[in-house]
Amino acid sequence: MQAIAGKHCLAVAQVGPDFMIVESPIELPPMPAELIVEIDGHAKRRSIYLPDGIRKTASRTRISPA
């Protein structure tokens, strides 16, 4: 799994209905993003919004539908 936020491509370890856990978080402001989940060679893309941005110190990043 990965998330594309601006020019950044971030590896995602876990996704829930309203959060994601980024493997190596960086500091990003609130912004739209795209979540890409690949299962059995088929990629599914979902537009999301990062209402709090991403913080290096937070274990979870809140997401909402875009």
N, C-alpha and C. Protein backbone atom coordinates (compact mmCIF):
# COMPACT_ATOMS: atom_id res chain seq x y z
N MET A 1 0.84 -1.17 0.00
CA MET A 1 0.00 0.00 0.00
C MET A 1 0.88 1.23 0.00
N GLN A 2 0.37 2.25 -0.63
CA GLN A 2 1.09 3.51 -0.64
C GLN A 2 0.11 4.67 -0.72
N ALA A 3 0.59 5.82 -0.33
CA ALA A 3 -0.19 7.05 -0.42
C ALA A 3 0.65 8.07 -1.19
N ILE A 4 -0.01 8.74 -2.11
CA ILE A 4 0.62 9.82 -2.86
C ILE A 4 0.05 11.12 -2.31
N ALA A 5 0.91 11.94 -1.74
CA ALA A 5 0.51 13.22 -1.18
C ALA A 5 1.44 14.28 -1.74
N GLY A 6 0.91 15.13 -2.61
CA GLY A 6 1.77 16.11 -3.28
C GLY A 6 2.80 15.38 -4.11
N LYS A 7 4.07 15.68 -3.92
CA LYS A 7 5.14 15.01 -4.66
C LYS A 7 5.71 13.82 -3.90
N HIS A 8 5.11 13.46 -2.77
CA HIS A 8 5.63 12.40 -1.92
C HIS A 8 4.87 11.08 -2.12
N CYS A 9 5.61 10.01 -2.20
CA CYS A 9 5.05 8.66 -2.25
C CYS A 9 5.45 7.98 -0.94
N LEU A 10 4.45 7.63 -0.12
CA LEU A 10 4.71 7.10 1.22
C LEU A 10 4.21 5.66 1.33
N ALA A 11 5.03 4.79 1.87
CA ALA A 11 4.62 3.41 2.12
C ALA A 11 3.66 3.40 3.30
N VAL A 12 2.55 2.69 3.14
CA VAL A 12 1.52 2.61 4.17
C VAL A 12 1.49 1.20 4.74
N ALA A 13 1.60 1.09 6.06
CA ALA A 13 1.63 -0.21 6.72
C ALA A 13 0.24 -0.74 7.02
N GLN A 14 -0.70 0.16 7.32
CA GLN A 14 -2.04 -0.27 7.72
C GLN A 14 -3.04 0.84 7.40
N VAL A 15 -4.27 0.41 7.04
CA VAL A 15 -5.34 1.37 6.76
C VAL A 15 -6.58 0.93 7.51
N GLY A 16 -7.26 1.88 8.11
CA GLY A 16 -8.55 1.65 8.75
C GLY A 16 -9.57 2.55 8.09
N PRO A 17 -10.79 2.56 8.58
CA PRO A 17 -11.83 3.37 7.96
C PRO A 17 -11.57 4.88 8.03
N ASP A 18 -10.82 5.32 9.04
CA ASP A 18 -10.58 6.76 9.19
C ASP A 18 -9.13 7.09 9.56
N PHE A 19 -8.22 6.15 9.30
CA PHE A 19 -6.81 6.39 9.60
C PHE A 19 -5.92 5.55 8.69
N MET A 20 -4.66 5.93 8.63
CA MET A 20 -3.63 5.09 8.01
C MET A 20 -2.38 5.21 8.86
N ILE A 21 -1.55 4.19 8.80
CA ILE A 21 -0.27 4.21 9.48
C ILE A 21 0.81 4.20 8.41
N VAL A 22 1.58 5.28 8.36
CA VAL A 22 2.65 5.44 7.39
C VAL A 22 3.92 4.82 7.97
N GLU A 23 4.62 4.03 7.15
CA GLU A 23 5.83 3.35 7.64
C GLU A 23 6.93 4.31 8.08
N SER A 24 7.18 5.34 7.30
CA SER A 24 8.20 6.34 7.64
C SER A 24 7.59 7.73 7.49
N PRO A 25 6.86 8.19 8.52
CA PRO A 25 6.14 9.45 8.39
C PRO A 25 7.07 10.65 8.23
N ILE A 26 6.58 11.63 7.48
CA ILE A 26 7.26 12.91 7.31
C ILE A 26 6.27 14.00 7.67
N GLU A 27 6.75 15.20 7.82
CA GLU A 27 5.87 16.32 8.13
C GLU A 27 5.22 16.84 6.84
N LEU A 28 3.89 16.81 6.79
CA LEU A 28 3.14 17.37 5.67
C LEU A 28 1.93 18.11 6.21
N PRO A 29 1.54 19.19 5.57
CA PRO A 29 0.35 19.93 6.00
C PRO A 29 -0.92 19.21 5.53
N PRO A 30 -2.08 19.64 5.99
CA PRO A 30 -3.34 19.08 5.48
C PRO A 30 -3.39 19.23 3.96
N MET A 31 -3.82 18.16 3.27
CA MET A 31 -3.87 18.18 1.81
C MET A 31 -4.62 16.97 1.29
N PRO A 32 -5.05 17.01 0.02
CA PRO A 32 -5.62 15.82 -0.59
C PRO A 32 -4.50 14.82 -0.89
N ALA A 33 -4.88 13.57 -0.98
CA ALA A 33 -3.91 12.51 -1.29
C ALA A 33 -4.64 11.38 -2.01
N GLU A 34 -3.88 10.41 -2.46
CA GLU A 34 -4.46 9.24 -3.10
C GLU A 34 -3.89 8.00 -2.42
N LEU A 35 -4.78 7.12 -2.00
CA LEU A 35 -4.38 5.87 -1.37
C LEU A 35 -4.44 4.78 -2.43
N ILE A 36 -3.36 4.02 -2.59
CA ILE A 36 -3.29 2.96 -3.59
C ILE A 36 -3.08 1.64 -2.88
N VAL A 37 -4.02 0.73 -3.08
CA VAL A 37 -3.96 -0.60 -2.48
C VAL A 37 -3.90 -1.61 -3.62
N GLU A 38 -2.87 -2.45 -3.62
CA GLU A 38 -2.72 -3.45 -4.67
C GLU A 38 -2.96 -4.84 -4.08
N ILE A 39 -3.91 -5.55 -4.67
CA ILE A 39 -4.24 -6.90 -4.24
C ILE A 39 -4.25 -7.80 -5.46
N ASP A 40 -3.47 -8.86 -5.42
CA ASP A 40 -3.38 -9.81 -6.53
C ASP A 40 -3.11 -9.12 -7.86
N GLY A 41 -2.24 -8.14 -7.85
CA GLY A 41 -1.85 -7.46 -9.07
C GLY A 41 -2.82 -6.40 -9.56
N HIS A 42 -3.91 -6.19 -8.85
CA HIS A 42 -4.89 -5.17 -9.24
C HIS A 42 -4.84 -4.01 -8.26
N ALA A 43 -4.57 -2.82 -8.79
CA ALA A 43 -4.48 -1.63 -7.94
C ALA A 43 -5.83 -0.95 -7.83
N LYS A 44 -6.19 -0.60 -6.61
CA LYS A 44 -7.40 0.20 -6.36
C LYS A 44 -6.93 1.53 -5.81
N ARG A 45 -7.48 2.60 -6.36
CA ARG A 45 -7.10 3.95 -5.95
C ARG A 45 -8.28 4.62 -5.29
N ARG A 46 -8.00 5.34 -4.23
CA ARG A 46 -9.05 6.03 -3.49
C ARG A 46 -8.57 7.44 -3.15
N SER A 47 -9.36 8.42 -3.50
CA SER A 47 -9.04 9.81 -3.15
C SER A 47 -9.37 10.03 -1.68
N ILE A 48 -8.41 10.57 -0.95
CA ILE A 48 -8.60 10.84 0.47
C ILE A 48 -8.15 12.26 0.78
N TYR A 49 -8.46 12.71 1.97
CA TYR A 49 -7.98 13.99 2.46
C TYR A 49 -7.29 13.77 3.79
N LEU A 50 -6.18 14.44 4.00
CA LEU A 50 -5.43 14.36 5.25
C LEU A 50 -5.76 15.61 6.07
N PRO A 51 -6.83 15.58 6.89
CA PRO A 51 -7.28 16.80 7.58
C PRO A 51 -6.26 17.37 8.57
N ASP A 52 -5.40 16.52 9.11
CA ASP A 52 -4.38 16.98 10.05
C ASP A 52 -2.99 16.95 9.43
N GLY A 53 -2.90 16.61 8.16
CA GLY A 53 -1.60 16.42 7.53
C GLY A 53 -0.99 15.12 8.06
N ILE A 54 0.31 15.01 7.92
CA ILE A 54 1.06 13.87 8.46
C ILE A 54 2.10 14.43 9.42
N ARG A 55 2.25 13.81 10.56
CA ARG A 55 3.23 14.24 11.56
C ARG A 55 4.23 13.11 11.82
N LYS A 56 5.49 13.46 11.92
CA LYS A 56 6.53 12.47 12.22
C LYS A 56 6.29 11.78 13.56
N THR A 57 5.73 12.50 14.50
CA THR A 57 5.60 11.99 15.86
C THR A 57 4.30 11.22 16.10
N ALA A 58 3.38 11.22 15.14
CA ALA A 58 2.09 10.54 15.33
C ALA A 58 2.14 9.15 14.72
N SER A 59 1.61 8.17 15.45
CA SER A 59 1.61 6.81 14.92
C SER A 59 0.51 6.61 13.88
N ARG A 60 -0.59 7.35 14.01
CA ARG A 60 -1.70 7.26 13.06
C ARG A 60 -1.91 8.60 12.38
N THR A 61 -2.34 8.53 11.13
CA THR A 61 -2.69 9.71 10.37
C THR A 61 -4.16 9.64 10.06
N ARG A 62 -4.90 10.66 10.45
CA ARG A 62 -6.34 10.68 10.21
C ARG A 62 -6.60 10.92 8.72
N ILE A 63 -7.55 10.17 8.15
CA ILE A 63 -7.94 10.36 6.76
C ILE A 63 -9.45 10.52 6.68
N SER A 64 -9.91 11.17 5.62
CA SER A 64 -11.33 11.29 5.36
C SER A 64 -11.54 11.22 3.85
N PRO A 65 -12.77 10.94 3.41
CA PRO A 65 -13.02 10.92 1.97
C PRO A 65 -12.75 12.29 1.36
N ALA A 66 -12.25 12.30 0.14
CA ALA A 66 -11.96 13.58 -0.53
C ALA A 66 -13.19 14.10 -1.22
